Amino acid sequence: RGGRKDFTYSRLMTWVAFDRGIRLATEHARPAD
């Protein structure tokens, strides 16, 4: 509760979000940008 910052862990997990999304779309032939 000390204010917002650019946290490395938060960036790590946004990388995970895109990585898993790309993987799922590719493996299951789902429509995706």
PDB file of all heavy atoms in Angstrom:
ATOM      1  N   ARG A   1       0.838  -1.194   0.000  1.00  0.00           N
ATOM      2  CA  ARG A   1       0.000   0.000   0.000  1.00  0.00           C
ATOM      3  C   ARG A   1       0.882   1.256   0.000  1.00  0.00           C
ATOM      4  O   ARG A   1       0.599   2.248   0.649  1.00  0.00           O
ATOM      5  CB  ARG A   1      -0.960  -0.042   1.188  1.00  0.00           C
ATOM      6  CG  ARG A   1      -1.838  -1.297   1.144  1.00  0.00           C
ATOM      7  CD  ARG A   1      -3.012  -1.300   2.080  1.00  0.00           C
ATOM      8  NE  ARG A   1      -3.801  -2.523   1.924  1.00  0.00           N
ATOM      9  CZ  ARG A   1      -4.987  -2.744   2.478  1.00  0.00           C
ATOM     10  NH1 ARG A   1      -5.542  -1.820   3.242  1.00  0.00           N
ATOM     11  NH2 ARG A   1      -5.630  -3.881   2.287  1.00  0.00           N
ATOM     12  N   GLY A   2       1.983   1.147  -0.746  1.00  0.00           N
ATOM     13  CA  GLY A   2       2.931   2.250  -0.825  1.00  0.00           C
ATOM     14  C   GLY A   2       3.031   2.877  -2.201  1.00  0.00           C
ATOM     15  O   GLY A   2       4.002   3.554  -2.513  1.00  0.00           O
ATOM     16  N   GLY A   3       2.023   2.646  -3.048  1.00  0.00           N
ATOM     17  CA  GLY A   3       2.026   3.253  -4.372  1.00  0.00           C
ATOM     18  C   GLY A   3       2.416   2.262  -5.455  1.00  0.00           C
ATOM     19  O   GLY A   3       3.056   1.236  -5.199  1.00  0.00           O
ATOM     20  N   ARG A   4       2.028   2.579  -6.681  1.00  0.00           N
ATOM     21  CA  ARG A   4       2.286   1.694  -7.801  1.00  0.00           C
ATOM     22  C   ARG A   4       3.717   1.840  -8.322  1.00  0.00           C
ATOM     23  O   ARG A   4       4.288   2.924  -8.313  1.00  0.00           O
ATOM     24  CB  ARG A   4       1.281   1.979  -8.926  1.00  0.00           C
ATOM     25  CG  ARG A   4      -0.148   1.633  -8.540  1.00  0.00           C
ATOM     26  CD  ARG A   4      -1.139   1.914  -9.658  1.00  0.00           C
ATOM     27  NE  ARG A   4      -2.492   1.528  -9.253  1.00  0.00           N
ATOM     28  CZ  ARG A   4      -3.567   1.663  -9.985  1.00  0.00           C
ATOM     29  NH1 ARG A   4      -3.456   2.211 -11.212  1.00  0.00           N
ATOM     30  NH2 ARG A   4      -4.753   1.289  -9.547  1.00  0.00           N
ATOM     31  N   LYS A   5       4.246   0.701  -8.780  1.00  0.00           N
ATOM     32  CA  LYS A   5       5.594   0.670  -9.337  1.00  0.00           C
ATOM     33  C   LYS A   5       5.608  -0.286 -10.524  1.00  0.00           C
ATOM     34  O   LYS A   5       4.671  -1.060 -10.728  1.00  0.00           O
ATOM     35  CB  LYS A   5       6.604   0.198  -8.279  1.00  0.00           C
ATOM     36  CG  LYS A   5       6.699   1.084  -7.046  1.00  0.00           C
ATOM     37  CD  LYS A   5       7.673   0.503  -6.022  1.00  0.00           C
ATOM     38  CE  LYS A   5       7.735   1.355  -4.769  1.00  0.00           C
ATOM     39  NZ  LYS A   5       8.634   0.785  -3.736  1.00  0.00           N
ATOM     40  N   ASP A   6       6.690  -0.244 -11.270  1.00  0.00           N
ATOM     41  CA  ASP A   6       6.890  -1.201 -12.361  1.00  0.00           C
ATOM     42  C   ASP A   6       7.556  -2.443 -11.781  1.00  0.00           C
ATOM     43  O   ASP A   6       8.784  -2.554 -11.737  1.00  0.00           O
ATOM     44  CB  ASP A   6       7.760  -0.585 -13.461  1.00  0.00           C
ATOM     45  CG  ASP A   6       7.028   0.500 -14.223  1.00  0.00           C
ATOM     46  OD1 ASP A   6       5.921   0.232 -14.704  1.00  0.00           O
ATOM     47  OD2 ASP A   6       7.564   1.622 -14.324  1.00  0.00           O
ATOM     48  N   PHE A   7       6.733  -3.376 -11.326  1.00  0.00           N
ATOM     49  CA  PHE A   7       7.247  -4.579 -10.676  1.00  0.00           C
ATOM     50  C   PHE A   7       7.668  -5.608 -11.723  1.00  0.00           C
ATOM     51  O   PHE A   7       6.920  -5.906 -12.665  1.00  0.00           O
ATOM     52  CB  PHE A   7       6.195  -5.192  -9.751  1.00  0.00           C
ATOM     53  CG  PHE A   7       5.988  -4.423  -8.476  1.00  0.00           C
ATOM     54  CD1 PHE A   7       4.905  -3.584  -8.324  1.00  0.00           C
ATOM     55  CD2 PHE A   7       6.894  -4.548  -7.428  1.00  0.00           C
ATOM     56  CE1 PHE A   7       4.711  -2.876  -7.138  1.00  0.00           C
ATOM     57  CE2 PHE A   7       6.710  -3.845  -6.246  1.00  0.00           C
ATOM     58  CZ  PHE A   7       5.628  -3.008  -6.104  1.00  0.00           C
ATOM     59  N   THR A   8       8.847  -6.173 -11.525  1.00  0.00           N
ATOM     60  CA  THR A   8       9.360  -7.167 -12.464  1.00  0.00           C
ATOM     61  C   THR A   8       8.477  -8.403 -12.501  1.00  0.00           C
ATOM     62  O   THR A   8       8.239  -8.974 -13.574  1.00  0.00           O
ATOM     63  CB  THR A   8      10.801  -7.554 -12.087  1.00  0.00           C
ATOM     64  OG1 THR A   8      11.606  -6.370 -12.009  1.00  0.00           O
ATOM     65  CG2 THR A   8      11.406  -8.501 -13.105  1.00  0.00           C
ATOM     66  N   TYR A   9       7.965  -8.826 -11.346  1.00  0.00           N
ATOM     67  CA  TYR A   9       7.114 -10.020 -11.331  1.00  0.00           C
ATOM     68  C   TYR A   9       5.849  -9.792 -12.144  1.00  0.00           C
ATOM     69  O   TYR A   9       5.390 -10.697 -12.856  1.00  0.00           O
ATOM     70  CB  TYR A   9       6.764 -10.419  -9.901  1.00  0.00           C
ATOM     71  CG  TYR A   9       5.867 -11.634  -9.839  1.00  0.00           C
ATOM     72  CD1 TYR A   9       6.405 -12.913  -9.994  1.00  0.00           C
ATOM     73  CD2 TYR A   9       4.495 -11.514  -9.663  1.00  0.00           C
ATOM     74  CE1 TYR A   9       5.594 -14.035  -9.971  1.00  0.00           C
ATOM     75  CE2 TYR A   9       3.669 -12.628  -9.642  1.00  0.00           C
ATOM     76  CZ  TYR A   9       4.221 -13.891  -9.792  1.00  0.00           C
ATOM     77  OH  TYR A   9       3.419 -15.000  -9.780  1.00  0.00           O
ATOM     78  N   SER A  10       5.277  -8.613 -12.057  1.00  0.00           N
ATOM     79  CA  SER A  10       4.080  -8.323 -12.842  1.00  0.00           C
ATOM     80  C   SER A  10       4.373  -8.418 -14.342  1.00  0.00           C
ATOM     81  O   SER A  10       3.576  -8.954 -15.124  1.00  0.00           O
ATOM     82  CB  SER A  10       3.541  -6.932 -12.498  1.00  0.00           C
ATOM     83  OG  SER A  10       3.123  -6.873 -11.144  1.00  0.00           O
ATOM     84  N   ARG A  11       5.544  -7.906 -14.754  1.00  0.00           N
ATOM     85  CA  ARG A  11       5.921  -8.018 -16.162  1.00  0.00           C
ATOM     86  C   ARG A  11       6.153  -9.479 -16.548  1.00  0.00           C
ATOM     87  O   ARG A  11       5.771  -9.921 -17.640  1.00  0.00           O
ATOM     88  CB  ARG A  11       7.185  -7.209 -16.437  1.00  0.00           C
ATOM     89  CG  ARG A  11       7.019  -5.719 -16.300  1.00  0.00           C
ATOM     90  CD  ARG A  11       6.004  -5.169 -17.321  1.00  0.00           C
ATOM     91  NE  ARG A  11       6.105  -3.729 -17.406  1.00  0.00           N
ATOM     92  CZ  ARG A  11       5.481  -2.879 -16.584  1.00  0.00           C
ATOM     93  NH1 ARG A  11       4.696  -3.358 -15.631  1.00  0.00           N
ATOM     94  NH2 ARG A  11       5.629  -1.571 -16.711  1.00  0.00           N
ATOM     95  N   LEU A  12       6.814 -10.222 -15.669  1.00  0.00           N
ATOM     96  CA  LEU A  12       7.042 -11.645 -15.935  1.00  0.00           C
ATOM     97  C   LEU A  12       5.736 -12.357 -16.250  1.00  0.00           C
ATOM     98  O   LEU A  12       5.640 -13.119 -17.223  1.00  0.00           O
ATOM     99  CB  LEU A  12       7.712 -12.293 -14.717  1.00  0.00           C
ATOM    100  CG  LEU A  12       7.725 -13.830 -14.690  1.00  0.00           C
ATOM    101  CD1 LEU A  12       8.681 -14.369 -15.738  1.00  0.00           C
ATOM    102  CD2 LEU A  12       8.096 -14.343 -13.297  1.00  0.00           C
ATOM    103  N   MET A  13       4.720 -12.087 -15.445  1.00  0.00           N
ATOM    104  CA  MET A  13       3.471 -12.815 -15.627  1.00  0.00           C
ATOM    105  C   MET A  13       2.663 -12.318 -16.815  1.00  0.00           C
ATOM    106  O   MET A  13       1.877 -13.071 -17.389  1.00  0.00           O
ATOM    107  CB  MET A  13       2.647 -12.771 -14.343  1.00  0.00           C
ATOM    108  CG  MET A  13       3.324 -13.453 -13.145  1.00  0.00           C
ATOM    109  SD  MET A  13       3.947 -15.122 -13.490  1.00  0.00           S
ATOM    110  CE  MET A  13       2.433 -16.002 -13.843  1.00  0.00           C
ATOM    111  N   THR A  14       2.854 -11.073 -17.226  1.00  0.00           N
ATOM    112  CA  THR A  14       2.206 -10.667 -18.477  1.00  0.00           C
ATOM    113  C   THR A  14       2.885 -11.371 -19.652  1.00  0.00           C
ATOM    114  O   THR A  14       2.215 -11.741 -20.631  1.00  0.00           O
ATOM    115  CB  THR A  14       2.223  -9.143 -18.673  1.00  0.00           C
ATOM    116  OG1 THR A  14       3.567  -8.641 -18.569  1.00  0.00           O
ATOM    117  CG2 THR A  14       1.371  -8.455 -17.627  1.00  0.00           C
ATOM    118  N   TRP A  15       4.195 -11.573 -19.549  1.00  0.00           N
ATOM    119  CA  TRP A  15       4.886 -12.390 -20.563  1.00  0.00           C
ATOM    120  C   TRP A  15       4.280 -13.791 -20.590  1.00  0.00           C
ATOM    121  O   TRP A  15       4.033 -14.357 -21.671  1.00  0.00           O
ATOM    122  CB  TRP A  15       6.383 -12.450 -20.250  1.00  0.00           C
ATOM    123  CG  TRP A  15       7.147 -13.342 -21.186  1.00  0.00           C
ATOM    124  CD1 TRP A  15       7.710 -13.004 -22.382  1.00  0.00           C
ATOM    125  CD2 TRP A  15       7.405 -14.745 -21.013  1.00  0.00           C
ATOM    126  NE1 TRP A  15       8.298 -14.090 -22.964  1.00  0.00           N
ATOM    127  CE2 TRP A  15       8.135 -15.175 -22.142  1.00  0.00           C
ATOM    128  CE3 TRP A  15       7.106 -15.667 -20.022  1.00  0.00           C
ATOM    129  CZ2 TRP A  15       8.556 -16.497 -22.303  1.00  0.00           C
ATOM    130  CZ3 TRP A  15       7.518 -16.984 -20.166  1.00  0.00           C
ATOM    131  CH2 TRP A  15       8.241 -17.392 -21.296  1.00  0.00           C
ATOM    132  N   VAL A  16       4.024 -14.360 -19.417  1.00  0.00           N
ATOM    133  CA  VAL A  16       3.417 -15.689 -19.334  1.00  0.00           C
ATOM    134  C   VAL A  16       2.044 -15.698 -20.011  1.00  0.00           C
ATOM    135  O   VAL A  16       1.697 -16.642 -20.726  1.00  0.00           O
ATOM    136  CB  VAL A  16       3.295 -16.146 -17.865  1.00  0.00           C
ATOM    137  CG1 VAL A  16       2.429 -17.401 -17.740  1.00  0.00           C
ATOM    138  CG2 VAL A  16       4.673 -16.396 -17.268  1.00  0.00           C
ATOM    139  N   ALA A  17       1.262 -14.655 -19.791  1.00  0.00           N
ATOM    140  CA  ALA A  17      -0.073 -14.597 -20.391  1.00  0.00           C
ATOM    141  C   ALA A  17       0.006 -14.710 -21.912  1.00  0.00           C
ATOM    142  O   ALA A  17      -0.719 -15.498 -22.535  1.00  0.00           O
ATOM    143  CB  ALA A  17      -0.768 -13.299 -19.988  1.00  0.00           C
ATOM    144  N   PHE A  18       0.892 -13.914 -22.522  1.00  0.00           N
ATOM    145  CA  PHE A  18       1.014 -13.964 -23.978  1.00  0.00           C
ATOM    146  C   PHE A  18       1.614 -15.296 -24.442  1.00  0.00           C
ATOM    147  O   PHE A  18       1.165 -15.878 -25.436  1.00  0.00           O
ATOM    148  CB  PHE A  18       1.868 -12.793 -24.475  1.00  0.00           C
ATOM    149  CG  PHE A  18       1.239 -11.449 -24.258  1.00  0.00           C
ATOM    150  CD1 PHE A  18       1.880 -10.467 -23.525  1.00  0.00           C
ATOM    151  CD2 PHE A  18      -0.016 -11.175 -24.786  1.00  0.00           C
ATOM    152  CE1 PHE A  18       1.299  -9.233 -23.313  1.00  0.00           C
ATOM    153  CE2 PHE A  18      -0.613  -9.929 -24.580  1.00  0.00           C
ATOM    154  CZ  PHE A  18       0.052  -8.959 -23.838  1.00  0.00           C
ATOM    155  N   ASP A  19       2.611 -15.787 -23.714  1.00  0.00           N
ATOM    156  CA  ASP A  19       3.249 -17.049 -24.082  1.00  0.00           C
ATOM    157  C   ASP A  19       2.242 -18.196 -24.070  1.00  0.00           C
ATOM    158  O   ASP A  19       2.180 -18.992 -25.017  1.00  0.00           O
ATOM    159  CB  ASP A  19       4.391 -17.347 -23.110  1.00  0.00           C
ATOM    160  CG  ASP A  19       5.031 -18.698 -23.368  1.00  0.00           C
ATOM    161  OD1 ASP A  19       5.821 -18.790 -24.324  1.00  0.00           O
ATOM    162  OD2 ASP A  19       4.731 -19.651 -22.616  1.00  0.00           O
ATOM    163  N   ARG A  20       1.430 -18.290 -23.015  1.00  0.00           N
ATOM    164  CA  ARG A  20       0.459 -19.390 -22.927  1.00  0.00           C
ATOM    165  C   ARG A  20      -0.650 -19.217 -23.964  1.00  0.00           C
ATOM    166  O   ARG A  20      -1.120 -20.201 -24.550  1.00  0.00           O
ATOM    167  CB  ARG A  20      -0.143 -19.460 -21.531  1.00  0.00           C
ATOM    168  CG  ARG A  20       0.858 -19.635 -20.387  1.00  0.00           C
ATOM    169  CD  ARG A  20       1.805 -20.821 -20.559  1.00  0.00           C
ATOM    170  NE  ARG A  20       2.548 -21.055 -19.333  1.00  0.00           N
ATOM    171  CZ  ARG A  20       3.775 -20.618 -19.068  1.00  0.00           C
ATOM    172  NH1 ARG A  20       4.424 -19.879 -19.972  1.00  0.00           N
ATOM    173  NH2 ARG A  20       4.369 -20.891 -17.916  1.00  0.00           N
ATOM    174  N   GLY A  21      -1.063 -17.969 -24.197  1.00  0.00           N
ATOM    175  CA  GLY A  21      -2.087 -17.744 -25.203  1.00  0.00           C
ATOM    176  C   GLY A  21      -1.632 -18.164 -26.591  1.00  0.00           C
ATOM    177  O   GLY A  21      -2.367 -18.813 -27.341  1.00  0.00           O
ATOM    178  N   ILE A  22      -0.400 -17.792 -26.943  1.00  0.00           N
ATOM    179  CA  ILE A  22       0.152 -18.173 -28.245  1.00  0.00           C
ATOM    180  C   ILE A  22       0.247 -19.686 -28.353  1.00  0.00           C
ATOM    181  O   ILE A  22      -0.098 -20.283 -29.391  1.00  0.00           O
ATOM    182  CB  ILE A  22       1.535 -17.515 -28.435  1.00  0.00           C
ATOM    183  CG1 ILE A  22       1.389 -15.990 -28.536  1.00  0.00           C
ATOM    184  CG2 ILE A  22       2.243 -18.084 -29.663  1.00  0.00           C
ATOM    185  CD1 ILE A  22       2.701 -15.245 -28.401  1.00  0.00           C
ATOM    186  N   ARG A  23       0.687 -20.322 -27.291  1.00  0.00           N
ATOM    187  CA  ARG A  23       0.843 -21.777 -27.297  1.00  0.00           C
ATOM    188  C   ARG A  23      -0.507 -22.474 -27.481  1.00  0.00           C
ATOM    189  O   ARG A  23      -0.643 -23.401 -28.283  1.00  0.00           O
ATOM    190  CB  ARG A  23       1.500 -22.222 -26.000  1.00  0.00           C
ATOM    191  CG  ARG A  23       1.859 -23.696 -25.955  1.00  0.00           C
ATOM    192  CD  ARG A  23       2.450 -24.064 -24.611  1.00  0.00           C
ATOM    193  NE  ARG A  23       3.571 -23.196 -24.245  1.00  0.00           N
ATOM    194  CZ  ARG A  23       4.180 -23.258 -23.064  1.00  0.00           C
ATOM    195  NH1 ARG A  23       3.738 -24.090 -22.125  1.00  0.00           N
ATOM    196  NH2 ARG A  23       5.192 -22.458 -22.803  1.00  0.00           N
ATOM    197  N   LEU A  24      -1.527 -22.020 -26.725  1.00  0.00           N
ATOM    198  CA  LEU A  24      -2.846 -22.637 -26.824  1.00  0.00           C
ATOM    199  C   LEU A  24      -3.456 -22.440 -28.209  1.00  0.00           C
ATOM    200  O   LEU A  24      -4.042 -23.361 -28.781  1.00  0.00           O
ATOM    201  CB  LEU A  24      -3.777 -22.045 -25.755  1.00  0.00           C
ATOM    202  CG  LEU A  24      -3.543 -22.500 -24.315  1.00  0.00           C
ATOM    203  CD1 LEU A  24      -4.337 -21.619 -23.349  1.00  0.00           C
ATOM    204  CD2 LEU A  24      -3.932 -23.963 -24.131  1.00  0.00           C
ATOM    205  N   ALA A  25      -3.327 -21.223 -28.739  1.00  0.00           N
ATOM    206  CA  ALA A  25      -3.893 -20.947 -30.068  1.00  0.00           C
ATOM    207  C   ALA A  25      -3.238 -21.812 -31.134  1.00  0.00           C
ATOM    208  O   ALA A  25      -3.905 -22.320 -32.047  1.00  0.00           O
ATOM    209  CB  ALA A  25      -3.726 -19.467 -30.396  1.00  0.00           C
ATOM    210  N   THR A  26      -1.921 -21.998 -31.018  1.00  0.00           N
ATOM    211  CA  THR A  26      -1.187 -22.786 -32.007  1.00  0.00           C
ATOM    212  C   THR A  26      -1.518 -24.267 -31.890  1.00  0.00           C
ATOM    213  O   THR A  26      -1.782 -24.937 -32.897  1.00  0.00           O
ATOM    214  CB  THR A  26       0.328 -22.561 -31.828  1.00  0.00           C
ATOM    215  OG1 THR A  26       0.615 -21.164 -31.934  1.00  0.00           O
ATOM    216  CG2 THR A  26       1.103 -23.331 -32.878  1.00  0.00           C
ATOM    217  N   GLU A  27      -1.521 -24.789 -30.671  1.00  0.00           N
ATOM    218  CA  GLU A  27      -1.740 -26.218 -30.478  1.00  0.00           C
ATOM    219  C   GLU A  27      -3.155 -26.644 -30.844  1.00  0.00           C
ATOM    220  O   GLU A  27      -3.373 -27.766 -31.307  1.00  0.00           O
ATOM    221  CB  GLU A  27      -1.444 -26.597 -29.023  1.00  0.00           C
ATOM    222  CG  GLU A  27       0.032 -26.520 -28.661  1.00  0.00           C
ATOM    223  CD  GLU A  27       0.283 -26.853 -27.198  1.00  0.00           C
ATOM    224  OE1 GLU A  27      -0.700 -27.057 -26.450  1.00  0.00           O
ATOM    225  OE2 GLU A  27       1.461 -26.898 -26.799  1.00  0.00           O
ATOM    226  N   HIS A  28      -4.141 -25.755 -30.623  1.00  0.00           N
ATOM    227  CA  HIS A  28      -5.535 -26.136 -30.824  1.00  0.00           C
ATOM    228  C   HIS A  28      -6.180 -25.424 -32.007  1.00  0.00           C
ATOM    229  O   HIS A  28      -7.405 -25.492 -32.168  1.00  0.00           O
ATOM    230  CB  HIS A  28      -6.325 -25.863 -29.536  1.00  0.00           C
ATOM    231  CG  HIS A  28      -5.794 -26.597 -28.349  1.00  0.00           C
ATOM    232  ND1 HIS A  28      -5.931 -27.958 -28.196  1.00  0.00           N
ATOM    233  CD2 HIS A  28      -5.100 -26.169 -27.258  1.00  0.00           C
ATOM    234  CE1 HIS A  28      -5.360 -28.340 -27.064  1.00  0.00           C
ATOM    235  NE2 HIS A  28      -4.840 -27.276 -26.480  1.00  0.00           N
ATOM    236  N   ALA A  29      -5.356 -24.752 -32.811  1.00  0.00           N
ATOM    237  CA  ALA A  29      -5.844 -24.089 -34.030  1.00  0.00           C
ATOM    238  C   ALA A  29      -7.007 -23.157 -33.723  1.00  0.00           C
ATOM    239  O   ALA A  29      -8.037 -23.170 -34.417  1.00  0.00           O
ATOM    240  CB  ALA A  29      -6.243 -25.138 -35.072  1.00  0.00           C
ATOM    241  N   ARG A  30      -6.809 -22.329 -32.698  1.00  0.00           N
ATOM    242  CA  ARG A  30      -7.849 -21.376 -32.319  1.00  0.00           C
ATOM    243  C   ARG A  30      -7.596 -20.031 -33.001  1.00  0.00           C
ATOM    244  O   ARG A  30      -6.440 -19.638 -33.223  1.00  0.00           O
ATOM    245  CB  ARG A  30      -7.865 -21.182 -30.803  1.00  0.00           C
ATOM    246  CG  ARG A  30      -8.172 -22.425 -29.999  1.00  0.00           C
ATOM    247  CD  ARG A  30      -9.534 -22.978 -30.301  1.00  0.00           C
ATOM    248  NE  ARG A  30      -9.932 -24.006 -29.348  1.00  0.00           N
ATOM    249  CZ  ARG A  30     -10.894 -24.887 -29.574  1.00  0.00           C
ATOM    250  NH1 ARG A  30     -11.557 -24.860 -30.711  1.00  0.00           N
ATOM    251  NH2 ARG A  30     -11.205 -25.790 -28.659  1.00  0.00           N
ATOM    252  N   PRO A  31      -8.654 -19.304 -33.315  1.00  0.00           N
ATOM    253  CA  PRO A  31      -8.457 -17.970 -33.918  1.00  0.00           C
ATOM    254  C   PRO A  31      -7.815 -17.019 -32.920  1.00  0.00           C
ATOM    255  O   PRO A  31      -8.238 -16.932 -31.766  1.00  0.00           O
ATOM    256  CB  PRO A  31      -9.882 -17.541 -34.273  1.00  0.00           C
ATOM    257  CG  PRO A  31     -10.774 -18.339 -33.365  1.00  0.00           C
ATOM    258  CD  PRO A  31     -10.081 -19.647 -33.158  1.00  0.00           C
ATOM    259  N   ALA A  32      -6.790 -16.299 -33.368  1.00  0.00           N
ATOM    260  CA  ALA A  32      -6.073 -15.380 -32.478  1.00  0.00           C
ATOM    261  C   ALA A  32      -5.263 -14.410 -33.312  1.00  0.00           C
ATOM    262  O   ALA A  32      -4.822 -14.727 -34.424  1.00  0.00           O
ATOM    263  CB  ALA A  32      -5.150 -16.162 -31.543  1.00  0.00           C
ATOM    264  N   ASP A  33      -5.041 -13.236 -32.754  1.00  0.00           N
ATOM    265  CA  ASP A  33      -4.194 -12.235 -33.403  1.00  0.00           C
ATOM    266  C   ASP A  33      -2.749 -12.534 -32.998  1.00  0.00           C
ATOM    267  O   ASP A  33      -2.140 -11.819 -32.188  1.00  0.00           O
ATOM    268  CB  ASP A  33      -4.621 -10.837 -32.953  1.00  0.00           C
ATOM    269  CG  ASP A  33      -3.998  -9.742 -33.796  1.00  0.00           C
ATOM    270  OD1 ASP A  33      -3.008 -10.031 -34.497  1.00  0.00           O
ATOM    271  OD2 ASP A  33      -4.484  -8.603 -33.735  1.00  0.00           O
TER     272      ASP A  33
END
